[in-house]
Amino acid sequence: MATKKVTVTIPADLLDEIRADAAERGLSAYVAEALRFKRDRDRLAELVDWLQEEHGPVTEDEHAAALDELEELDAEHERRRTAGKHNAGEAA
């Protein structure tokens, strides 16, 4: 993958936190990942706007159902993380 060096200005306190979080993978990889995430969210927001123009706004019931489903997914992910930690401990 081609890369290009750029200069950006970041608040010092934020940079300190990012460097601490990004220690293993490096600052450039961390920033690239964050930028991809932001780009993807912007594209998703554009899609939501387009879908709402085409099909109307999301109803309260649809919104509530989506939040319920997200909570179920979060709970399942937590169960799997917890199970993985227990399984890793048993192997040690």
C-alpha atoms as a PDB file:
ATOM      1  CA  MET A   1       0.000   0.000   0.000  1.00  0.00           C
ATOM      2  CA  ALA A   2       1.360   3.391  -0.942  1.00  0.00           C
ATOM      3  CA  THR A   3       1.742   5.902   1.856  1.00  0.00           C
ATOM      4  CA  LYS A   4       2.336   9.622   2.000  1.00  0.00           C
ATOM      5  CA  LYS A   5       3.780  11.638   4.831  1.00  0.00           C
ATOM      6  CA  VAL A   6       1.680  14.581   6.051  1.00  0.00           C
ATOM      7  CA  THR A   7       1.884  17.097   8.861  1.00  0.00           C
ATOM      8  CA  VAL A   8      -1.052  17.566  11.216  1.00  0.00           C
ATOM      9  CA  THR A   9      -1.578  19.576  14.375  1.00  0.00           C
ATOM     10  CA  ILE A  10      -3.037  17.687  17.342  1.00  0.00           C
ATOM     11  CA  PRO A  11      -3.644  18.974  20.883  1.00  0.00           C
ATOM     12  CA  ALA A  12      -0.751  17.877  23.102  1.00  0.00           C
ATOM     13  CA  ASP A  13      -2.915  16.085  25.668  1.00  0.00           C
ATOM     14  CA  LEU A  14      -4.714  14.108  22.950  1.00  0.00           C
ATOM     15  CA  LEU A  15      -1.419  13.174  21.317  1.00  0.00           C
ATOM     16  CA  ASP A  16      -0.082  11.898  24.657  1.00  0.00           C
ATOM     17  CA  GLU A  17      -3.149   9.691  25.092  1.00  0.00           C
ATOM     18  CA  ILE A  18      -2.943   8.400  21.514  1.00  0.00           C
ATOM     19  CA  ARG A  19       0.755   7.587  21.816  1.00  0.00           C
ATOM     20  CA  ALA A  20       0.046   5.603  24.991  1.00  0.00           C
ATOM     21  CA  ASP A  21      -2.788   3.691  23.291  1.00  0.00           C
ATOM     22  CA  ALA A  22      -0.896   3.179  20.033  1.00  0.00           C
ATOM     23  CA  ALA A  23       2.396   2.020  21.542  1.00  0.00           C
ATOM     24  CA  GLU A  24       2.566  -1.437  19.931  1.00  0.00           C
ATOM     25  CA  ARG A  25       1.161  -0.677  16.490  1.00  0.00           C
ATOM     26  CA  GLY A  26       2.598   2.812  16.190  1.00  0.00           C
ATOM     27  CA  LEU A  27       1.168   6.278  15.862  1.00  0.00           C
ATOM     28  CA  SER A  28       0.816   6.218  12.071  1.00  0.00           C
ATOM     29  CA  ALA A  29      -1.164   2.963  12.097  1.00  0.00           C
ATOM     30  CA  TYR A  30      -3.380   4.287  14.894  1.00  0.00           C
ATOM     31  CA  VAL A  31      -4.099   7.539  13.058  1.00  0.00           C
ATOM     32  CA  ALA A  32      -4.731   5.740   9.750  1.00  0.00           C
ATOM     33  CA  GLU A  33      -7.210   3.426  11.489  1.00  0.00           C
ATOM     34  CA  ALA A  34      -8.951   6.385  13.144  1.00  0.00           C
ATOM     35  CA  LEU A  35      -9.216   8.214   9.828  1.00  0.00           C
ATOM     36  CA  ARG A  36     -10.657   5.127   8.112  1.00  0.00           C
ATOM     37  CA  PHE A  37     -13.181   4.797  10.924  1.00  0.00           C
ATOM     38  CA  LYS A  38     -14.184   8.465  10.587  1.00  0.00           C
ATOM     39  CA  ARG A  39     -14.451   8.162   6.795  1.00  0.00           C
ATOM     40  CA  ASP A  40     -16.635   5.066   7.159  1.00  0.00           C
ATOM     41  CA  ARG A  41     -18.913   6.828   9.673  1.00  0.00           C
ATOM     42  CA  ASP A  42     -19.241   9.820   7.342  1.00  0.00           C
ATOM     43  CA  ARG A  43     -20.203   7.502   4.491  1.00  0.00           C
ATOM     44  CA  LEU A  44     -22.679   5.717   6.725  1.00  0.00           C
ATOM     45  CA  ALA A  45     -24.239   9.065   7.692  1.00  0.00           C
ATOM     46  CA  GLU A  46     -24.582   9.893   3.988  1.00  0.00           C
ATOM     47  CA  LEU A  47     -26.273   6.536   3.417  1.00  0.00           C
ATOM     48  CA  VAL A  48     -28.675   7.138   6.317  1.00  0.00           C
ATOM     49  CA  ASP A  49     -29.553  10.557   4.910  1.00  0.00           C
ATOM     50  CA  TRP A  50     -30.157   9.076   1.464  1.00  0.00           C
ATOM     51  CA  LEU A  51     -32.272   6.214   2.835  1.00  0.00           C
ATOM     52  CA  GLN A  52     -34.354   8.630   4.888  1.00  0.00           C
ATOM     53  CA  GLU A  53     -34.916  10.795   1.819  1.00  0.00           C
ATOM     54  CA  GLU A  54     -36.017   7.721  -0.149  1.00  0.00           C
ATOM     55  CA  HIS A  55     -38.022   5.887   2.544  1.00  0.00           C
ATOM     56  CA  GLY A  56     -38.789   8.442   5.226  1.00  0.00           C
ATOM     57  CA  PRO A  57     -37.368   8.796   8.719  1.00  0.00           C
ATOM     58  CA  VAL A  58     -36.908   5.877  11.077  1.00  0.00           C
ATOM     59  CA  THR A  59     -39.884   5.441  13.409  1.00  0.00           C
ATOM     60  CA  GLU A  60     -39.538   5.300  17.185  1.00  0.00           C
ATOM     61  CA  ASP A  61     -40.483   1.602  17.105  1.00  0.00           C
ATOM     62  CA  GLU A  62     -37.819   0.847  14.489  1.00  0.00           C
ATOM     63  CA  HIS A  63     -35.251   2.806  16.493  1.00  0.00           C
ATOM     64  CA  ALA A  64     -36.154   0.961  19.702  1.00  0.00           C
ATOM     65  CA  ALA A  65     -35.978  -2.414  17.919  1.00  0.00           C
ATOM     66  CA  ALA A  66     -32.532  -1.568  16.538  1.00  0.00           C
ATOM     67  CA  LEU A  67     -31.275  -0.553  19.993  1.00  0.00           C
ATOM     68  CA  ASP A  68     -32.629  -3.796  21.466  1.00  0.00           C
ATOM     69  CA  GLU A  69     -30.800  -5.786  18.800  1.00  0.00           C
ATOM     70  CA  LEU A  70     -27.566  -3.885  19.459  1.00  0.00           C
ATOM     71  CA  GLU A  71     -27.879  -4.618  23.177  1.00  0.00           C
ATOM     72  CA  GLU A  72     -28.311  -8.324  22.387  1.00  0.00           C
ATOM     73  CA  LEU A  73     -25.221  -8.248  20.158  1.00  0.00           C
ATOM     74  CA  ASP A  74     -23.202  -6.443  22.839  1.00  0.00           C
ATOM     75  CA  ALA A  75     -24.279  -9.030  25.413  1.00  0.00           C
ATOM     76  CA  GLU A  76     -23.285 -11.873  23.081  1.00  0.00           C
ATOM     77  CA  HIS A  77     -19.883 -10.288  22.436  1.00  0.00           C
ATOM     78  CA  GLU A  78     -19.348  -9.901  26.174  1.00  0.00           C
ATOM     79  CA  ARG A  79     -20.304 -13.556  26.752  1.00  0.00           C
ATOM     80  CA  ARG A  80     -17.797 -14.640  24.106  1.00  0.00           C
ATOM     81  CA  ARG A  81     -15.044 -12.403  25.531  1.00  0.00           C
ATOM     82  CA  THR A  82     -15.684 -13.754  29.015  1.00  0.00           C
ATOM     83  CA  ALA A  83     -15.744 -17.348  27.762  1.00  0.00           C
ATOM     84  CA  GLY A  84     -12.487 -16.741  25.863  1.00  0.00           C
ATOM     85  CA  LYS A  85     -10.773 -15.399  28.981  1.00  0.00           C
ATOM     86  CA  HIS A  86     -11.928 -18.380  31.024  1.00  0.00           C
ATOM     87  CA  ASN A  87     -10.798 -20.827  28.332  1.00  0.00           C
ATOM     88  CA  ALA A  88      -7.386 -19.109  28.062  1.00  0.00           C
ATOM     89  CA  GLY A  89      -6.962 -19.369  31.835  1.00  0.00           C
ATOM     90  CA  GLU A  90      -7.738 -23.063  31.829  1.00  0.00           C
ATOM     91  CA  ALA A  91      -5.078 -23.752  29.217  1.00  0.00           C
ATOM     92  CA  ALA A  92      -2.359 -22.063  31.289  1.00  0.00           C
END
